[in-house]
Amino acid sequence: MKNNLTGNRYVMDVGVLKTELYFETDTSMVFTILEGGGLTKNGYTEKVETTIAEIRPQVYMVAWKEKSGATVTHVEDHENGIIYSNATLADGSFYTMKGTIHLLQDRNLKP
């Protein structure tokens, strides 16, 4: 089932971490670390298989597992530009973050 994220690029900024999210297909996303904040290296990119559930129009729950074993779940509120991110790293550390998410194609925004 096609979702409204597919084909779009977004910038997620949760303060300590700034990432570009490219929803390549309905089930895959490529993320690129723009600013890793000490959590990961700037410029790191990875393609991941995603599960995307539409909670209501313009609000999605997106989940994936990374090569490192880290798991990530987002609630992305595109109507209000808010993202909630939970990540469990391979070492067991757990992070909860809240920040902004914006469509990268918007010419008024900079990554």
PDB file of N, CA and C in Angstrom:
ATOM      1  N   MET A   1       0.832  -1.187   0.000  1.00  0.00           N
ATOM      2  CA  MET A   1       0.000   0.000   0.000  1.00  0.00           C
ATOM      3  C   MET A   1       0.874   1.247   0.000  1.00  0.00           C
ATOM      4  N   LYS A   2       0.693   2.095  -0.976  1.00  0.00           N
ATOM      5  CA  LYS A   2       1.499   3.306  -1.079  1.00  0.00           C
ATOM      6  C   LYS A   2       1.148   4.281   0.046  1.00  0.00           C
ATOM      7  N   ASN A   3       2.180   4.888   0.600  1.00  0.00           N
ATOM      8  CA  ASN A   3       1.965   5.917   1.618  1.00  0.00           C
ATOM      9  C   ASN A   3       2.449   7.254   1.054  1.00  0.00           C
ATOM     10  N   ASN A   4       2.132   8.327   1.724  1.00  0.00           N
ATOM     11  CA  ASN A   4       2.503   9.661   1.242  1.00  0.00           C
ATOM     12  C   ASN A   4       3.957  10.023   1.509  1.00  0.00           C
ATOM     13  N   LEU A   5       4.712   9.164   2.184  1.00  0.00           N
ATOM     14  CA  LEU A   5       6.127   9.421   2.440  1.00  0.00           C
ATOM     15  C   LEU A   5       6.995   9.027   1.248  1.00  0.00           C
ATOM     16  N   THR A   6       6.567   8.011   0.516  1.00  0.00           N
ATOM     17  CA  THR A   6       7.368   7.422  -0.549  1.00  0.00           C
ATOM     18  C   THR A   6       7.767   8.457  -1.604  1.00  0.00           C
ATOM     19  N   GLY A   7       9.070   8.458  -1.907  1.00  0.00           N
ATOM     20  CA  GLY A   7       9.617   9.372  -2.903  1.00  0.00           C
ATOM     21  C   GLY A   7      10.055  10.704  -2.344  1.00  0.00           C
ATOM     22  N   ASN A   8       9.833  10.939  -1.062  1.00  0.00           N
ATOM     23  CA  ASN A   8      10.174  12.221  -0.441  1.00  0.00           C
ATOM     24  C   ASN A   8      11.401  12.123   0.449  1.00  0.00           C
ATOM     25  N   ARG A   9      12.054  13.270   0.601  1.00  0.00           N
ATOM     26  CA  ARG A   9      13.200  13.416   1.508  1.00  0.00           C
ATOM     27  C   ARG A   9      12.813  14.396   2.608  1.00  0.00           C
ATOM     28  N   TYR A  10      13.204  14.049   3.828  1.00  0.00           N
ATOM     29  CA  TYR A  10      12.902  14.873   4.991  1.00  0.00           C
ATOM     30  C   TYR A  10      14.167  15.095   5.795  1.00  0.00           C
ATOM     31  N   VAL A  11      14.211  16.201   6.511  1.00  0.00           N
ATOM     32  CA  VAL A  11      15.276  16.442   7.477  1.00  0.00           C
ATOM     33  C   VAL A  11      14.669  16.343   8.864  1.00  0.00           C
ATOM     34  N   MET A  12      15.248  15.447   9.661  1.00  0.00           N
ATOM     35  CA  MET A  12      14.846  15.246  11.042  1.00  0.00           C
ATOM     36  C   MET A  12      15.927  15.883  11.919  1.00  0.00           C
ATOM     37  N   ASP A  13      15.526  16.714  12.855  1.00  0.00           N
ATOM     38  CA  ASP A  13      16.472  17.366  13.767  1.00  0.00           C
ATOM     39  C   ASP A  13      15.966  17.183  15.191  1.00  0.00           C
ATOM     40  N   VAL A  14      16.680  16.362  15.964  1.00  0.00           N
ATOM     41  CA  VAL A  14      16.309  16.135  17.364  1.00  0.00           C
ATOM     42  C   VAL A  14      17.357  16.721  18.309  1.00  0.00           C
ATOM     43  N   GLY A  15      18.061  17.747  17.827  1.00  0.00           N
ATOM     44  CA  GLY A  15      19.047  18.428  18.655  1.00  0.00           C
ATOM     45  C   GLY A  15      20.397  17.749  18.618  1.00  0.00           C
ATOM     46  N   VAL A  16      20.499  16.587  19.217  1.00  0.00           N
ATOM     47  CA  VAL A  16      21.765  15.862  19.267  1.00  0.00           C
ATOM     48  C   VAL A  16      22.056  15.149  17.946  1.00  0.00           C
ATOM     49  N   LEU A  17      21.061  15.003  17.102  1.00  0.00           N
ATOM     50  CA  LEU A  17      21.199  14.231  15.870  1.00  0.00           C
ATOM     51  C   LEU A  17      20.369  14.878  14.769  1.00  0.00           C
ATOM     52  N   LYS A  18      20.985  15.055  13.595  1.00  0.00           N
ATOM     53  CA  LYS A  18      20.293  15.615  12.438  1.00  0.00           C
ATOM     54  C   LYS A  18      20.476  14.636  11.283  1.00  0.00           C
ATOM     55  N   THR A  19      19.360  14.199  10.696  1.00  0.00           N
ATOM     56  CA  THR A  19      19.389  13.126   9.709  1.00  0.00           C
ATOM     57  C   THR A  19      18.498  13.456   8.527  1.00  0.00           C
ATOM     58  N   GLU A  20      18.952  13.050   7.338  1.00  0.00           N
ATOM     59  CA  GLU A  20      18.090  13.098   6.161  1.00  0.00           C
ATOM     60  C   GLU A  20      17.458  11.727   5.998  1.00  0.00           C
ATOM     61  N   LEU A  21      16.158  11.697   5.796  1.00  0.00           N
ATOM     62  CA  LEU A  21      15.419  10.453   5.584  1.00  0.00           C
ATOM     63  C   LEU A  21      14.846  10.473   4.175  1.00  0.00           C
ATOM     64  N   TYR A  22      15.226   9.477   3.362  1.00  0.00           N
ATOM     65  CA  TYR A  22      14.691   9.366   2.009  1.00  0.00           C
ATOM     66  C   TYR A  22      13.871   8.093   1.922  1.00  0.00           C
ATOM     67  N   PHE A  23      12.564   8.250   1.787  1.00  0.00           N
ATOM     68  CA  PHE A  23      11.661   7.105   1.698  1.00  0.00           C
ATOM     69  C   PHE A  23      11.640   6.634   0.245  1.00  0.00           C
ATOM     70  N   GLU A  24      12.524   5.705  -0.048  1.00  0.00           N
ATOM     71  CA  GLU A  24      12.760   5.221  -1.402  1.00  0.00           C
ATOM     72  C   GLU A  24      11.549   4.463  -1.972  1.00  0.00           C
ATOM     73  N   THR A  25      10.980   3.560  -1.161  1.00  0.00           N
ATOM     74  CA  THR A  25       9.795   2.799  -1.548  1.00  0.00           C
ATOM     75  C   THR A  25       8.863   2.731  -0.338  1.00  0.00           C
ATOM     76  N   ASP A  26       7.771   2.012  -0.478  1.00  0.00           N
ATOM     77  CA  ASP A  26       6.850   1.840   0.649  1.00  0.00           C
ATOM     78  C   ASP A  26       7.464   1.027   1.779  1.00  0.00           C
ATOM     79  N   THR A  27       8.543   0.294   1.472  1.00  0.00           N
ATOM     80  CA  THR A  27       9.144  -0.584   2.485  1.00  0.00           C
ATOM     81  C   THR A  27      10.639  -0.363   2.676  1.00  0.00           C
ATOM     82  N   SER A  28      11.199   0.686   2.088  1.00  0.00           N
ATOM     83  CA  SER A  28      12.625   0.946   2.289  1.00  0.00           C
ATOM     84  C   SER A  28      12.899   2.444   2.388  1.00  0.00           C
ATOM     85  N   MET A  29      13.916   2.749   3.187  1.00  0.00           N
ATOM     86  CA  MET A  29      14.317   4.125   3.422  1.00  0.00           C
ATOM     87  C   MET A  29      15.833   4.180   3.456  1.00  0.00           C
ATOM     88  N   VAL A  30      16.387   5.271   2.991  1.00  0.00           N
ATOM     89  CA  VAL A  30      17.818   5.525   3.111  1.00  0.00           C
ATOM     90  C   VAL A  30      17.978   6.698   4.065  1.00  0.00           C
ATOM     91  N   PHE A  31      18.760   6.491   5.130  1.00  0.00           N
ATOM     92  CA  PHE A  31      19.028   7.615   6.028  1.00  0.00           C
ATOM     93  C   PHE A  31      20.483   8.018   5.893  1.00  0.00           C
ATOM     94  N   THR A  32      20.728   9.315   6.022  1.00  0.00           N
ATOM     95  CA  THR A  32      22.073   9.869   5.984  1.00  0.00           C
ATOM     96  C   THR A  32      22.236  10.762   7.199  1.00  0.00           C
ATOM     97  N   ILE A  33      23.292  10.531   7.954  1.00  0.00           N
ATOM     98  CA  ILE A  33      23.564  11.338   9.146  1.00  0.00           C
ATOM     99  C   ILE A  33      24.189  12.655   8.702  1.00  0.00           C
ATOM    100  N   LEU A  34      23.505  13.744   8.948  1.00  0.00           N
ATOM    101  CA  LEU A  34      24.033  15.068   8.624  1.00  0.00           C
ATOM    102  C   LEU A  34      24.906  15.580   9.762  1.00  0.00           C
ATOM    103  N   GLU A  35      24.435  15.393  10.987  1.00  0.00           N
ATOM    104  CA  GLU A  35      25.193  15.754  12.192  1.00  0.00           C
ATOM    105  C   GLU A  35      24.962  14.660  13.220  1.00  0.00           C
ATOM    106  N   GLY A  36      26.011  13.912  13.542  1.00  0.00           N
ATOM    107  CA  GLY A  36      25.887  12.750  14.410  1.00  0.00           C
ATOM    108  C   GLY A  36      25.918  13.031  15.896  1.00  0.00           C
ATOM    109  N   GLY A  37      26.353  14.200  16.291  1.00  0.00           N
ATOM    110  CA  GLY A  37      26.355  14.576  17.699  1.00  0.00           C
ATOM    111  C   GLY A  37      27.096  13.606  18.605  1.00  0.00           C
ATOM    112  N   GLY A  38      28.095  12.910  18.073  1.00  0.00           N
ATOM    113  CA  GLY A  38      28.853  11.953  18.875  1.00  0.00           C
ATOM    114  C   GLY A  38      28.214  10.579  18.945  1.00  0.00           C
ATOM    115  N   LEU A  39      26.961  10.453  18.485  1.00  0.00           N
ATOM    116  CA  LEU A  39      26.291   9.149  18.494  1.00  0.00           C
ATOM    117  C   LEU A  39      26.746   8.294  17.313  1.00  0.00           C
ATOM    118  N   THR A  40      27.030   8.952  16.188  1.00  0.00           N
ATOM    119  CA  THR A  40      27.469   8.260  14.981  1.00  0.00           C
ATOM    120  C   THR A  40      28.202   9.251  14.086  1.00  0.00           C
ATOM    121  N   LYS A  41      28.862   8.747  13.058  1.00  0.00           N
ATOM    122  CA  LYS A  41      29.687   9.595  12.192  1.00  0.00           C
ATOM    123  C   LYS A  41      28.845  10.409  11.206  1.00  0.00           C
ATOM    124  N   ASN A  42      29.225  11.665  11.030  1.00  0.00           N
ATOM    125  CA  ASN A  42      28.610  12.501  10.002  1.00  0.00           C
ATOM    126  C   ASN A  42      28.828  11.846   8.644  1.00  0.00           C
ATOM    127  N   GLY A  43      27.795  11.876   7.805  1.00  0.00           N
ATOM    128  CA  GLY A  43      27.908  11.328   6.464  1.00  0.00           C
ATOM    129  C   GLY A  43      27.564   9.853   6.345  1.00  0.00           C
ATOM    130  N   TYR A  44      27.400   9.160   7.483  1.00  0.00           N
ATOM    131  CA  TYR A  44      27.050   7.737   7.423  1.00  0.00           C
ATOM    132  C   TYR A  44      25.690   7.582   6.752  1.00  0.00           C
ATOM    133  N   THR A  45      25.591   6.621   5.845  1.00  0.00           N
ATOM    134  CA  THR A  45      24.323   6.364   5.164  1.00  0.00           C
ATOM    135  C   THR A  45      24.048   4.867   5.164  1.00  0.00           C
ATOM    136  N   GLU A  46      22.777   4.534   5.220  1.00  0.00           N
ATOM    137  CA  GLU A  46      22.384   3.126   5.225  1.00  0.00           C
ATOM    138  C   GLU A  46      20.965   3.003   4.667  1.00  0.00           C
ATOM    139  N   LYS A  47      20.756   1.951   3.890  1.00  0.00           N
ATOM    140  CA  LYS A  47      19.418   1.628   3.406  1.00  0.00           C
ATOM    141  C   LYS A  47      18.833   0.591   4.343  1.00  0.00           C
ATOM    142  N   VAL A  48      17.602   0.831   4.811  1.00  0.00           N
ATOM    143  CA  VAL A  48      16.949  -0.084   5.751  1.00  0.00           C
ATOM    144  C   VAL A  48      15.552  -0.442   5.240  1.00  0.00           C
ATOM    145  N   GLU A  49      15.108  -1.622   5.633  1.00  0.00           N
ATOM    146  CA  GLU A  49      13.737  -2.041   5.359  1.00  0.00           C
ATOM    147  C   GLU A  49      12.856  -1.469   6.462  1.00  0.00           C
ATOM    148  N   THR A  50      11.747  -0.875   6.081  1.00  0.00           N
ATOM    149  CA  THR A  50      10.885  -0.200   7.046  1.00  0.00           C
ATOM    150  C   THR A  50       9.502  -0.841   7.123  1.00  0.00           C
ATOM    151  N   THR A  51       8.888  -0.628   8.262  1.00  0.00           N
ATOM    152  CA  THR A  51       7.465  -0.890   8.433  1.00  0.00           C
ATOM    153  C   THR A  51       6.837   0.466   8.704  1.00  0.00           C
ATOM    154  N   ILE A  52       5.839   0.816   7.907  1.00  0.00           N
ATOM    155  CA  ILE A  52       5.207   2.127   8.033  1.00  0.00           C
ATOM    156  C   ILE A  52       3.719   1.932   8.271  1.00  0.00           C
ATOM    157  N   ALA A  53       3.220   2.548   9.339  1.00  0.00           N
ATOM    158  CA  ALA A  53       1.784   2.502   9.643  1.00  0.00           C
ATOM    159  C   ALA A  53       1.260   3.929   9.710  1.00  0.00           C
ATOM    160  N   GLU A  54       0.208   4.205   8.958  1.00  0.00           N
ATOM    161  CA  GLU A  54      -0.416   5.521   9.026  1.00  0.00           C
ATOM    162  C   GLU A  54      -1.364   5.539  10.224  1.00  0.00           C
ATOM    163  N   ILE A  55      -1.099   6.430  11.158  1.00  0.00           N
ATOM    164  CA  ILE A  55      -1.926   6.556  12.352  1.00  0.00           C
ATOM    165  C   ILE A  55      -3.170   7.384  12.030  1.00  0.00           C
ATOM    166  N   ARG A  56      -2.967   8.451  11.317  1.00  0.00           N
ATOM    167  CA  ARG A  56      -4.020   9.304  10.781  1.00  0.00           C
ATOM    168  C   ARG A  56      -3.364  10.074   9.645  1.00  0.00           C
ATOM    169  N   PRO A  57      -4.122  10.808   8.828  1.00  0.00           N
ATOM    170  CA  PRO A  57      -3.484  11.547   7.745  1.00  0.00           C
ATOM    171  C   PRO A  57      -2.313  12.400   8.248  1.00  0.00           C
ATOM    172  N   GLN A  58      -1.172  12.247   7.606  1.00  0.00           N
ATOM    173  CA  GLN A  58       0.067  12.980   7.873  1.00  0.00           C
ATOM    174  C   GLN A  58       0.754  12.601   9.184  1.00  0.00           C
ATOM    175  N   VAL A  59       0.332  11.525   9.829  1.00  0.00           N
ATOM    176  CA  VAL A  59       1.020  11.020  11.026  1.00  0.00           C
ATOM    177  C   VAL A  59       1.316   9.543  10.795  1.00  0.00           C
ATOM    178  N   TYR A  60       2.607   9.186  10.911  1.00  0.00           N
ATOM    179  CA  TYR A  60       3.057   7.826  10.623  1.00  0.00           C
ATOM    180  C   TYR A  60       3.922   7.289  11.755  1.00  0.00           C
ATOM    181  N   MET A  61       3.824   5.981  11.961  1.00  0.00           N
ATOM    182  CA  MET A  61       4.783   5.279  12.799  1.00  0.00           C
ATOM    183  C   MET A  61       5.688   4.518  11.845  1.00  0.00           C
ATOM    184  N   VAL A  62       6.992   4.760  11.958  1.00  0.00           N
ATOM    185  CA  VAL A  62       7.974   4.160  11.068  1.00  0.00           C
ATOM    186  C   VAL A  62       8.985   3.412  11.927  1.00  0.00           C
ATOM    187  N   ALA A  63       9.254   2.144  11.590  1.00  0.00           N
ATOM    188  CA  ALA A  63      10.188   1.340  12.385  1.00  0.00           C
ATOM    189  C   ALA A  63      11.154   0.607  11.461  1.00  0.00           C
ATOM    190  N   TRP A  64      12.383   0.401  11.970  1.00  0.00           N
ATOM    191  CA  TRP A  64      13.377  -0.356  11.210  1.00  0.00           C
ATOM    192  C   TRP A  64      14.476  -0.885  12.128  1.00  0.00           C
ATOM    193  N   LYS A  65      15.267  -1.796  11.569  1.00  0.00           N
ATOM    194  CA  LYS A  65      16.447  -2.339  12.252  1.00  0.00           C
ATOM    195  C   LYS A  65      17.660  -2.072  11.374  1.00  0.00           C
ATOM    196  N   GLU A  66      18.734  -1.586  11.993  1.00  0.00           N
ATOM    197  CA  GLU A  66      19.941  -1.236  11.257  1.00  0.00           C
ATOM    198  C   GLU A  66      20.944  -2.387  11.254  1.00  0.00           C
ATOM    199  N   LYS A  67      21.930  -2.302  10.373  1.00  0.00           N
ATOM    200  CA  LYS A  67      22.978  -3.333  10.274  1.00  0.00           C
ATOM    201  C   LYS A  67      23.669  -3.564  11.612  1.00  0.00           C
ATOM    202  N   SER A  68      23.813  -2.511  12.392  1.00  0.00           N
ATOM    203  CA  SER A  68      24.494  -2.597  13.684  1.00  0.00           C
ATOM    204  C   SER A  68      23.689  -3.374  14.719  1.00  0.00           C
ATOM    205  N   GLY A  69      22.404  -3.603  14.425  1.00  0.00           N
ATOM    206  CA  GLY A  69      21.504  -4.226  15.394  1.00  0.00           C
ATOM    207  C   GLY A  69      20.621  -3.222  16.107  1.00  0.00           C
ATOM    208  N   ALA A  70      20.880  -1.934  15.909  1.00  0.00           N
ATOM    209  CA  ALA A  70      20.047  -0.889  16.506  1.00  0.00           C
ATOM    210  C   ALA A  70      18.644  -0.962  15.930  1.00  0.00           C
ATOM    211  N   THR A  71      17.654  -0.690  16.781  1.00  0.00           N
ATOM    212  CA  THR A  71      16.271  -0.605  16.319  1.00  0.00           C
ATOM    213  C   THR A  71      15.764   0.810  16.560  1.00  0.00           C
ATOM    214  N   VAL A  72      14.954   1.295  15.633  1.00  0.00           N
ATOM    215  CA  VAL A  72      14.457   2.671  15.695  1.00  0.00           C
ATOM    216  C   VAL A  72      12.963   2.666  15.409  1.00  0.00           C
ATOM    217  N   THR A  73      12.221   3.449  16.176  1.00  0.00           N
ATOM    218  CA  THR A  73      10.805   3.673  15.914  1.00  0.00           C
ATOM    219  C   THR A  73      10.532   5.171  16.002  1.00  0.00           C
ATOM    220  N   HIS A  74       9.906   5.696  14.968  1.00  0.00           N
ATOM    221  CA  HIS A  74       9.524   7.111  14.926  1.00  0.00           C
ATOM    222  C   HIS A  74       8.009   7.229  14.923  1.00  0.00           C
ATOM    223  N   VAL A  75       7.514   8.275  15.530  1.00  0.00           N
ATOM    224  CA  VAL A  75       6.179   8.770  15.240  1.00  0.00           C
ATOM    225  C   VAL A  75       6.430  10.117  14.580  1.00  0.00           C
ATOM    226  N   GLU A  76       6.054  10.204  13.310  1.00  0.00           N
ATOM    227  CA  GLU A  76       6.317  11.385  12.498  1.00  0.00           C
ATOM    228  C   GLU A  76       5.005  12.121  12.232  1.00  0.00           C
ATOM    229  N   ASP A  77       4.884  13.300  12.807  1.00  0.00           N
ATOM    230  CA  ASP A  77       3.700  14.147  12.626  1.00  0.00           C
ATOM    231  C   ASP A  77       4.068  15.212  11.596  1.00  0.00           C
ATOM    232  N   HIS A  78       3.779  14.919  10.335  1.00  0.00           N
ATOM    233  CA  HIS A  78       4.149  15.832   9.255  1.00  0.00           C
ATOM    234  C   HIS A  78       3.239  17.052   9.189  1.00  0.00           C
ATOM    235  N   GLU A  79       2.048  16.958   9.724  1.00  0.00           N
ATOM    236  CA  GLU A  79       1.151  18.112   9.753  1.00  0.00           C
ATOM    237  C   GLU A  79       1.717  19.215  10.640  1.00  0.00           C
ATOM    238  N   ASN A  80       2.275  18.834  11.786  1.00  0.00           N
ATOM    239  CA  ASN A  80       2.811  19.799  12.747  1.00  0.00           C
ATOM    240  C   ASN A  80       4.325  19.890  12.744  1.00  0.00           C
ATOM    241  N   GLY A  81       5.014  19.068  11.917  1.00  0.00           N
ATOM    242  CA  GLY A  81       6.473  19.121  11.823  1.00  0.00           C
ATOM    243  C   GLY A  81       7.184  18.604  13.059  1.00  0.00           C
ATOM    244  N   ILE A  82       6.571  17.642  13.770  1.00  0.00           N
ATOM    245  CA  ILE A  82       7.148  17.102  15.009  1.00  0.00           C
ATOM    246  C   ILE A  82       7.483  15.633  14.817  1.00  0.00           C
ATOM    247  N   ILE A  83       8.635  15.215  15.356  1.00  0.00           N
ATOM    248  CA  ILE A  83       9.025  13.809  15.322  1.00  0.00           C
ATOM    249  C   ILE A  83       9.380  13.339  16.722  1.00  0.00           C
ATOM    250  N   TYR A  84       8.931  12.140  17.041  1.00  0.00           N
ATOM    251  CA  TYR A  84       9.297  11.460  18.281  1.00  0.00           C
ATOM    252  C   TYR A  84      10.087  10.240  17.846  1.00  0.00           C
ATOM    253  N   SER A  85      11.294  10.072  18.373  1.00  0.00           N
ATOM    254  CA  SER A  85      12.159   8.972  17.958  1.00  0.00           C
ATOM    255  C   SER A  85      12.632   8.192  19.173  1.00  0.00           C
ATOM    256  N   ASN A  86      12.512   6.879  19.086  1.00  0.00           N
ATOM    257  CA  ASN A  86      13.042   5.979  20.111  1.00  0.00           C
ATOM    258  C   ASN A  86      14.031   5.050  19.439  1.00  0.00           C
ATOM    259  N   ALA A  87      15.216   4.924  20.019  1.00  0.00           N
ATOM    260  CA  ALA A  87      16.245   4.069  19.443  1.00  0.00           C
ATOM    261  C   ALA A  87      16.904   3.236  20.530  1.00  0.00           C
ATOM    262  N   THR A  88      17.050   1.957  20.255  1.00  0.00           N
ATOM    263  CA  THR A  88      17.818   1.063  21.115  1.00  0.00           C
ATOM    264  C   THR A  88      19.050   0.641  20.329  1.00  0.00           C
ATOM    265  N   LEU A  89      20.225   1.004  20.824  1.00  0.00           N
ATOM    266  CA  LEU A  89      21.462   0.666  20.138  1.00  0.00           C
ATOM    267  C   LEU A  89      21.863  -0.776  20.429  1.00  0.00           C
ATOM    268  N   ALA A  90      22.799  -1.286  19.643  1.00  0.00           N
ATOM    269  CA  ALA A  90      23.238  -2.674  19.778  1.00  0.00           C
ATOM    270  C   ALA A  90      23.792  -2.966  21.173  1.00  0.00           C
ATOM    271  N   ASP A  91      24.338  -1.942  21.842  1.00  0.00           N
ATOM    272  CA  ASP A  91      24.895  -2.147  23.189  1.00  0.00           C
ATOM    273  C   ASP A  91      23.823  -2.103  24.280  1.00  0.00           C
ATOM    274  N   GLY A  92      22.571  -1.906  23.864  1.00  0.00           N
ATOM    275  CA  GLY A  92      21.465  -1.884  24.820  1.00  0.00           C
ATOM    276  C   GLY A  92      21.070  -0.504  25.303  1.00  0.00           C
ATOM    277  N   SER A  93      21.851   0.522  24.976  1.00  0.00           N
ATOM    278  CA  SER A  93      21.474   1.870  25.416  1.00  0.00           C
ATOM    279  C   SER A  93      20.225   2.330  24.662  1.00  0.00           C
ATOM    280  N   PHE A  94      19.401   3.098  25.352  1.00  0.00           N
ATOM    281  CA  PHE A  94      18.103   3.503  24.830  1.00  0.00           C
ATOM    282  C   PHE A  94      18.008   5.015  24.815  1.00  0.00           C
ATOM    283  N   TYR A  95      17.532   5.566  23.698  1.00  0.00           N
ATOM    284  CA  TYR A  95      17.400   7.015  23.547  1.00  0.00           C
ATOM    285  C   TYR A  95      15.962   7.356  23.156  1.00  0.00           C
ATOM    286  N   THR A  96      15.405   8.364  23.818  1.00  0.00           N
ATOM    287  CA  THR A  96      14.128   8.933  23.401  1.00  0.00           C
ATOM    288  C   THR A  96      14.401  10.379  23.020  1.00  0.00           C
ATOM    289  N   MET A  97      13.927  10.764  21.853  1.00  0.00           N
ATOM    290  CA  MET A  97      14.221  12.096  21.343  1.00  0.00           C
ATOM    291  C   MET A  97      12.958  12.711  20.738  1.00  0.00           C
ATOM    292  N   LYS A  98      12.879  14.019  20.781  1.00  0.00           N
ATOM    293  CA  LYS A  98      11.787  14.756  20.151  1.00  0.00           C
ATOM    294  C   LYS A  98      12.401  15.927  19.413  1.00  0.00           C
ATOM    295  N   GLY A  99      11.871  16.187  18.229  1.00  0.00           N
ATOM    296  CA  GLY A  99      12.409  17.301  17.455  1.00  0.00           C
ATOM    297  C   GLY A  99      11.495  17.672  16.315  1.00  0.00           C
ATOM    298  N   THR A 100      12.109  18.131  15.244  1.00  0.00           N
ATOM    299  CA  THR A 100      11.356  18.601  14.088  1.00  0.00           C
ATOM    300  C   THR A 100      11.619  17.719  12.877  1.00  0.00           C
ATOM    301  N   ILE A 101      10.656  17.711  11.972  1.00  0.00           N
ATOM    302  CA  ILE A 101      10.816  17.027  10.694  1.00  0.00           C
ATOM    303  C   ILE A 101      10.197  17.920   9.626  1.00  0.00           C
ATOM    304  N   HIS A 102      10.956  18.108   8.539  1.00  0.00           N
ATOM    305  CA  HIS A 102      10.503  18.980   7.459  1.00  0.00           C
ATOM    306  C   HIS A 102      10.843  18.367   6.115  1.00  0.00           C
ATOM    307  N   LEU A 103       9.979  18.569   5.151  1.00  0.00           N
ATOM    308  CA  LEU A 103      10.213  18.133   3.792  1.00  0.00           C
ATOM    309  C   LEU A 103      11.423  18.863   3.240  1.00  0.00           C
ATOM    310  N   LEU A 104      12.408  18.115   2.771  1.00  0.00           N
ATOM    311  CA  LEU A 104      13.653  18.719   2.270  1.00  0.00           C
ATOM    312  C   LEU A 104      13.414  19.515   1.002  1.00  0.00           C
ATOM    313  N   GLN A 105      12.434  19.150   0.221  1.00  0.00           N
ATOM    314  CA  GLN A 105      12.165  19.835  -1.043  1.00  0.00           C
ATOM    315  C   GLN A 105      11.631  21.241  -0.846  1.00  0.00           C
ATOM    316  N   ASP A 106      11.280  21.591   0.380  1.00  0.00           N
ATOM    317  CA  ASP A 106      10.836  22.950   0.674  1.00  0.00           C
ATOM    318  C   ASP A 106      12.039  23.875   0.547  1.00  0.00           C
ATOM    319  N   ARG A 107      12.011  24.787  -0.373  1.00  0.00           N
ATOM    320  CA  ARG A 107      13.171  25.656  -0.669  1.00  0.00           C
ATOM    321  C   ARG A 107      13.511  26.607   0.480  1.00  0.00           C
ATOM    322  N   ASN A 108      12.606  26.806   1.418  1.00  0.00           N
ATOM    323  CA  ASN A 108      12.866  27.718   2.529  1.00  0.00           C
ATOM    324  C   ASN A 108      13.638  27.062   3.670  1.00  0.00           C
ATOM    325  N   LEU A 109      13.822  25.732   3.583  1.00  0.00           N
ATOM    326  CA  LEU A 109      14.499  25.015   4.653  1.00  0.00           C
ATOM    327  C   LEU A 109      15.874  24.582   4.207  1.00  0.00           C
ATOM    328  N   LYS A 110      16.815  24.590   5.119  1.00  0.00           N
ATOM    329  CA  LYS A 110      18.170  24.112   4.820  1.00  0.00           C
ATOM    330  C   LYS A 110      18.389  22.850   5.620  1.00  0.00           C
ATOM    331  N   PRO A 111      19.088  21.860   5.017  1.00  0.00           N
ATOM    332  CA  PRO A 111      19.338  20.610   5.757  1.00  0.00           C
ATOM    333  C   PRO A 111      20.244  20.817   6.943  1.00  0.00           C
TER     334      PRO A 111
END
